[in-house]
Amino acid sequence: MKSYGGDTLANTKSAIKRVNVSSKKQLLNTSKRSALRKLVRSAQASIENNSPDKNDVILKTIKAIDQAASDGVIHKNKAARDKSRFAKQLS
């Protein structure tokens, strides 16, 4: 038996593939989640500073939240909650 994908011990060809696919998806989801968090922080900062392009940043963030929810990176209820909070800040 060979060890694939870190500490996982996969026995069959399909199990090896599942480990590899899962690892790649995990990396992509982590990257997407990190980018979304950065975008949310920048939107919150623009709201606090009352910057002139606040509405554009909020709309961009809402779009990113929708995309993350549709990709399964975040839960749909979290997406709805975050979008609602940002929508209240639109003027």
N, C-alpha and C. Protein backbone atom coordinates (compact mmCIF):
# COMPACT_ATOMS: atom_id res chain seq x y z
N MET A 1 0.84 -1.18 0.00
CA MET A 1 0.00 0.00 0.00
C MET A 1 0.88 1.24 0.00
N LYS A 2 0.42 2.25 -0.77
CA LYS A 2 1.16 3.50 -0.86
C LYS A 2 0.37 4.61 -0.20
N SER A 3 1.07 5.60 0.28
CA SER A 3 0.42 6.74 0.91
C SER A 3 0.34 7.88 -0.09
N TYR A 4 -0.87 8.40 -0.30
CA TYR A 4 -1.09 9.51 -1.22
C TYR A 4 -1.82 10.63 -0.49
N GLY A 5 -1.56 11.85 -0.92
CA GLY A 5 -2.32 12.98 -0.40
C GLY A 5 -2.09 13.26 1.07
N GLY A 6 -0.85 13.19 1.51
CA GLY A 6 -0.57 13.51 2.90
C GLY A 6 -0.68 12.29 3.79
N ASP A 7 -1.55 12.36 4.81
CA ASP A 7 -1.65 11.28 5.77
C ASP A 7 -2.75 10.28 5.43
N THR A 8 -3.32 10.39 4.21
CA THR A 8 -4.39 9.49 3.80
C THR A 8 -3.79 8.24 3.16
N LEU A 9 -4.34 7.11 3.50
CA LEU A 9 -3.87 5.86 2.94
C LEU A 9 -4.93 5.36 1.96
N ALA A 10 -4.70 5.64 0.66
CA ALA A 10 -5.67 5.25 -0.37
C ALA A 10 -5.25 3.93 -0.99
N ASN A 11 -6.23 3.04 -1.16
CA ASN A 11 -5.93 1.71 -1.68
C ASN A 11 -6.26 1.54 -3.15
N THR A 12 -7.30 2.21 -3.60
CA THR A 12 -7.74 2.01 -4.98
C THR A 12 -7.43 3.24 -5.82
N LYS A 13 -7.49 3.05 -7.13
CA LYS A 13 -7.22 4.13 -8.05
C LYS A 13 -8.23 5.27 -7.87
N SER A 14 -9.50 4.91 -7.69
CA SER A 14 -10.54 5.93 -7.53
C SER A 14 -10.37 6.68 -6.20
N ALA A 15 -9.93 5.98 -5.16
CA ALA A 15 -9.70 6.64 -3.87
C ALA A 15 -8.53 7.61 -3.96
N ILE A 16 -7.50 7.23 -4.69
CA ILE A 16 -6.35 8.12 -4.89
C ILE A 16 -6.80 9.38 -5.63
N LYS A 17 -7.63 9.19 -6.66
CA LYS A 17 -8.12 10.34 -7.41
C LYS A 17 -8.96 11.24 -6.53
N ARG A 18 -9.84 10.67 -5.71
CA ARG A 18 -10.69 11.48 -4.83
C ARG A 18 -9.84 12.30 -3.87
N VAL A 19 -8.77 11.72 -3.34
CA VAL A 19 -7.89 12.45 -2.44
C VAL A 19 -7.26 13.64 -3.17
N ASN A 20 -6.79 13.39 -4.41
CA ASN A 20 -6.16 14.46 -5.18
C ASN A 20 -7.16 15.56 -5.53
N VAL A 21 -8.35 15.18 -5.96
CA VAL A 21 -9.37 16.17 -6.33
C VAL A 21 -9.79 16.98 -5.10
N SER A 22 -9.99 16.30 -3.99
CA SER A 22 -10.39 16.99 -2.76
C SER A 22 -9.33 17.98 -2.31
N SER A 23 -8.06 17.61 -2.43
CA SER A 23 -6.97 18.50 -2.04
C SER A 23 -6.96 19.76 -2.89
N LYS A 24 -7.14 19.59 -4.20
CA LYS A 24 -7.15 20.74 -5.10
C LYS A 24 -8.34 21.65 -4.81
N LYS A 25 -9.51 21.06 -4.58
CA LYS A 25 -10.70 21.86 -4.28
C LYS A 25 -10.53 22.60 -2.97
N GLN A 26 -9.91 21.96 -2.00
CA GLN A 26 -9.70 22.61 -0.71
C GLN A 26 -8.81 23.84 -0.86
N LEU A 27 -7.75 23.73 -1.67
CA LEU A 27 -6.87 24.87 -1.91
C LEU A 27 -7.61 26.01 -2.60
N LEU A 28 -8.42 25.66 -3.61
CA LEU A 28 -9.18 26.69 -4.33
C LEU A 28 -10.18 27.38 -3.42
N ASN A 29 -10.91 26.59 -2.62
CA ASN A 29 -11.90 27.17 -1.73
C ASN A 29 -11.26 28.06 -0.67
N THR A 30 -10.11 27.65 -0.17
CA THR A 30 -9.39 28.47 0.82
C THR A 30 -8.98 29.79 0.20
N SER A 31 -8.50 29.74 -1.03
CA SER A 31 -8.09 30.95 -1.73
C SER A 31 -9.28 31.87 -1.97
N LYS A 32 -10.40 31.31 -2.42
CA LYS A 32 -11.60 32.10 -2.69
C LYS A 32 -12.14 32.73 -1.41
N ARG A 33 -12.14 31.96 -0.33
CA ARG A 33 -12.64 32.47 0.95
C ARG A 33 -11.76 33.60 1.46
N SER A 34 -10.46 33.46 1.29
CA SER A 34 -9.53 34.49 1.72
C SER A 34 -9.74 35.78 0.92
N ALA A 35 -9.90 35.65 -0.39
CA ALA A 35 -10.13 36.82 -1.23
C ALA A 35 -11.44 37.50 -0.86
N LEU A 36 -12.46 36.71 -0.54
CA LEU A 36 -13.75 37.27 -0.15
C LEU A 36 -13.63 38.03 1.16
N ARG A 37 -12.91 37.48 2.11
CA ARG A 37 -12.73 38.17 3.39
C ARG A 37 -12.01 39.50 3.21
N LYS A 38 -11.00 39.52 2.35
CA LYS A 38 -10.29 40.78 2.08
C LYS A 38 -11.23 41.81 1.48
N LEU A 39 -12.08 41.37 0.56
CA LEU A 39 -13.03 42.27 -0.08
C LEU A 39 -14.04 42.80 0.93
N VAL A 40 -14.50 41.95 1.82
CA VAL A 40 -15.45 42.36 2.86
C VAL A 40 -14.80 43.38 3.79
N ARG A 41 -13.56 43.14 4.16
CA ARG A 41 -12.86 44.09 5.03
C ARG A 41 -12.69 45.44 4.35
N SER A 42 -12.37 45.42 3.05
CA SER A 42 -12.21 46.70 2.35
C SER A 42 -13.54 47.43 2.24
N ALA A 43 -14.63 46.70 2.06
CA ALA A 43 -15.95 47.32 2.00
C ALA A 43 -16.32 47.92 3.35
N GLN A 44 -16.03 47.20 4.42
CA GLN A 44 -16.32 47.73 5.75
C GLN A 44 -15.48 48.98 6.04
N ALA A 45 -14.24 48.99 5.58
CA ALA A 45 -13.39 50.16 5.78
C ALA A 45 -13.92 51.36 4.99
N SER A 46 -14.39 51.12 3.78
CA SER A 46 -14.92 52.23 2.98
C SER A 46 -16.21 52.76 3.59
N ILE A 47 -16.99 51.90 4.24
CA ILE A 47 -18.20 52.36 4.93
C ILE A 47 -17.83 53.22 6.13
N GLU A 48 -16.85 52.76 6.91
CA GLU A 48 -16.44 53.51 8.09
C GLU A 48 -15.84 54.86 7.73
N ASN A 49 -15.06 54.89 6.64
CA ASN A 49 -14.41 56.13 6.23
C ASN A 49 -15.33 57.01 5.38
N ASN A 50 -16.51 56.48 5.06
CA ASN A 50 -17.48 57.21 4.23
C ASN A 50 -16.84 57.70 2.94
N SER A 51 -16.14 56.79 2.27
CA SER A 51 -15.45 57.15 1.04
C SER A 51 -16.45 57.39 -0.09
N PRO A 52 -16.08 58.19 -1.08
CA PRO A 52 -17.02 58.52 -2.17
C PRO A 52 -17.39 57.32 -3.04
N ASP A 53 -16.51 56.34 -3.16
CA ASP A 53 -16.82 55.17 -3.99
C ASP A 53 -17.38 54.01 -3.16
N LYS A 54 -17.98 54.36 -2.03
CA LYS A 54 -18.52 53.36 -1.10
C LYS A 54 -19.55 52.44 -1.78
N ASN A 55 -20.46 53.01 -2.56
CA ASN A 55 -21.52 52.21 -3.19
C ASN A 55 -20.95 51.21 -4.19
N ASP A 56 -19.94 51.63 -4.95
CA ASP A 56 -19.33 50.72 -5.92
C ASP A 56 -18.66 49.54 -5.23
N VAL A 57 -17.96 49.85 -4.14
CA VAL A 57 -17.27 48.79 -3.39
C VAL A 57 -18.28 47.82 -2.79
N ILE A 58 -19.37 48.34 -2.27
CA ILE A 58 -20.40 47.48 -1.66
C ILE A 58 -21.03 46.58 -2.72
N LEU A 59 -21.36 47.15 -3.88
CA LEU A 59 -21.96 46.34 -4.95
C LEU A 59 -21.01 45.25 -5.44
N LYS A 60 -19.73 45.59 -5.53
CA LYS A 60 -18.72 44.61 -5.93
C LYS A 60 -18.63 43.49 -4.89
N THR A 61 -18.71 43.86 -3.62
CA THR A 61 -18.64 42.87 -2.54
C THR A 61 -19.87 41.97 -2.55
N ILE A 62 -21.04 42.54 -2.77
CA ILE A 62 -22.27 41.75 -2.83
C ILE A 62 -22.19 40.74 -3.97
N LYS A 63 -21.66 41.17 -5.10
CA LYS A 63 -21.52 40.25 -6.24
C LYS A 63 -20.57 39.10 -5.88
N ALA A 64 -19.46 39.43 -5.22
CA ALA A 64 -18.50 38.40 -4.82
C ALA A 64 -19.11 37.43 -3.82
N ILE A 65 -19.94 37.94 -2.92
CA ILE A 65 -20.62 37.08 -1.94
C ILE A 65 -21.55 36.11 -2.65
N ASP A 66 -22.30 36.63 -3.64
CA ASP A 66 -23.18 35.76 -4.42
C ASP A 66 -22.41 34.66 -5.13
N GLN A 67 -21.28 35.02 -5.73
CA GLN A 67 -20.48 34.03 -6.44
C GLN A 67 -19.92 32.99 -5.49
N ALA A 68 -19.48 33.42 -4.31
CA ALA A 68 -18.93 32.47 -3.34
C ALA A 68 -20.01 31.50 -2.86
N ALA A 69 -21.23 32.01 -2.68
CA ALA A 69 -22.33 31.14 -2.24
C ALA A 69 -22.71 30.15 -3.34
N SER A 70 -22.70 30.59 -4.59
CA SER A 70 -23.06 29.69 -5.67
C SER A 70 -21.98 28.63 -5.90
N ASP A 71 -20.73 28.97 -5.59
CA ASP A 71 -19.64 27.99 -5.71
C ASP A 71 -19.57 27.06 -4.51
N GLY A 72 -20.33 27.36 -3.45
CA GLY A 72 -20.32 26.52 -2.26
C GLY A 72 -19.19 26.85 -1.31
N VAL A 73 -18.57 28.00 -1.49
CA VAL A 73 -17.46 28.39 -0.61
C VAL A 73 -18.01 28.82 0.75
N ILE A 74 -19.15 29.53 0.73
CA ILE A 74 -19.82 29.92 1.97
C ILE A 74 -21.27 29.44 1.89
N HIS A 75 -21.92 29.34 3.02
CA HIS A 75 -23.30 28.88 3.07
C HIS A 75 -24.23 29.95 2.55
N LYS A 76 -25.33 29.54 1.95
CA LYS A 76 -26.26 30.49 1.34
C LYS A 76 -26.89 31.42 2.37
N ASN A 77 -27.12 30.93 3.58
CA ASN A 77 -27.70 31.79 4.62
C ASN A 77 -26.70 32.84 5.09
N LYS A 78 -25.43 32.49 5.16
CA LYS A 78 -24.40 33.47 5.51
C LYS A 78 -24.32 34.52 4.43
N ALA A 79 -24.42 34.09 3.17
CA ALA A 79 -24.38 35.03 2.06
C ALA A 79 -25.55 36.00 2.14
N ALA A 80 -26.73 35.49 2.42
CA ALA A 80 -27.91 36.34 2.52
C ALA A 80 -27.77 37.32 3.68
N ARG A 81 -27.25 36.86 4.79
CA ARG A 81 -27.07 37.74 5.96
C ARG A 81 -26.07 38.85 5.66
N ASP A 82 -24.94 38.49 5.05
CA ASP A 82 -23.92 39.49 4.73
C ASP A 82 -24.42 40.49 3.70
N LYS A 83 -25.13 39.99 2.68
CA LYS A 83 -25.66 40.88 1.65
C LYS A 83 -26.67 41.85 2.24
N SER A 84 -27.49 41.36 3.15
CA SER A 84 -28.48 42.21 3.79
C SER A 84 -27.81 43.33 4.59
N ARG A 85 -26.77 42.99 5.30
CA ARG A 85 -26.06 44.00 6.11
C ARG A 85 -25.40 45.05 5.23
N PHE A 86 -24.86 44.62 4.09
CA PHE A 86 -24.25 45.59 3.17
C PHE A 86 -25.31 46.42 2.46
N ALA A 87 -26.44 45.81 2.15
CA ALA A 87 -27.51 46.53 1.44
C ALA A 87 -28.05 47.67 2.30
N LYS A 88 -28.05 47.48 3.62
CA LYS A 88 -28.50 48.55 4.52
C LYS A 88 -27.58 49.77 4.44
N GLN A 89 -26.32 49.54 4.07
CA GLN A 89 -25.34 50.63 4.05
C GLN A 89 -25.37 51.41 2.72
N LEU A 90 -26.08 50.86 1.72
CA LEU A 90 -26.17 51.58 0.44
C LEU A 90 -27.01 52.83 0.62
N SER A 91 -26.58 53.91 -0.01
CA SER A 91 -27.35 55.15 0.13
C SER A 91 -27.74 55.71 -1.21
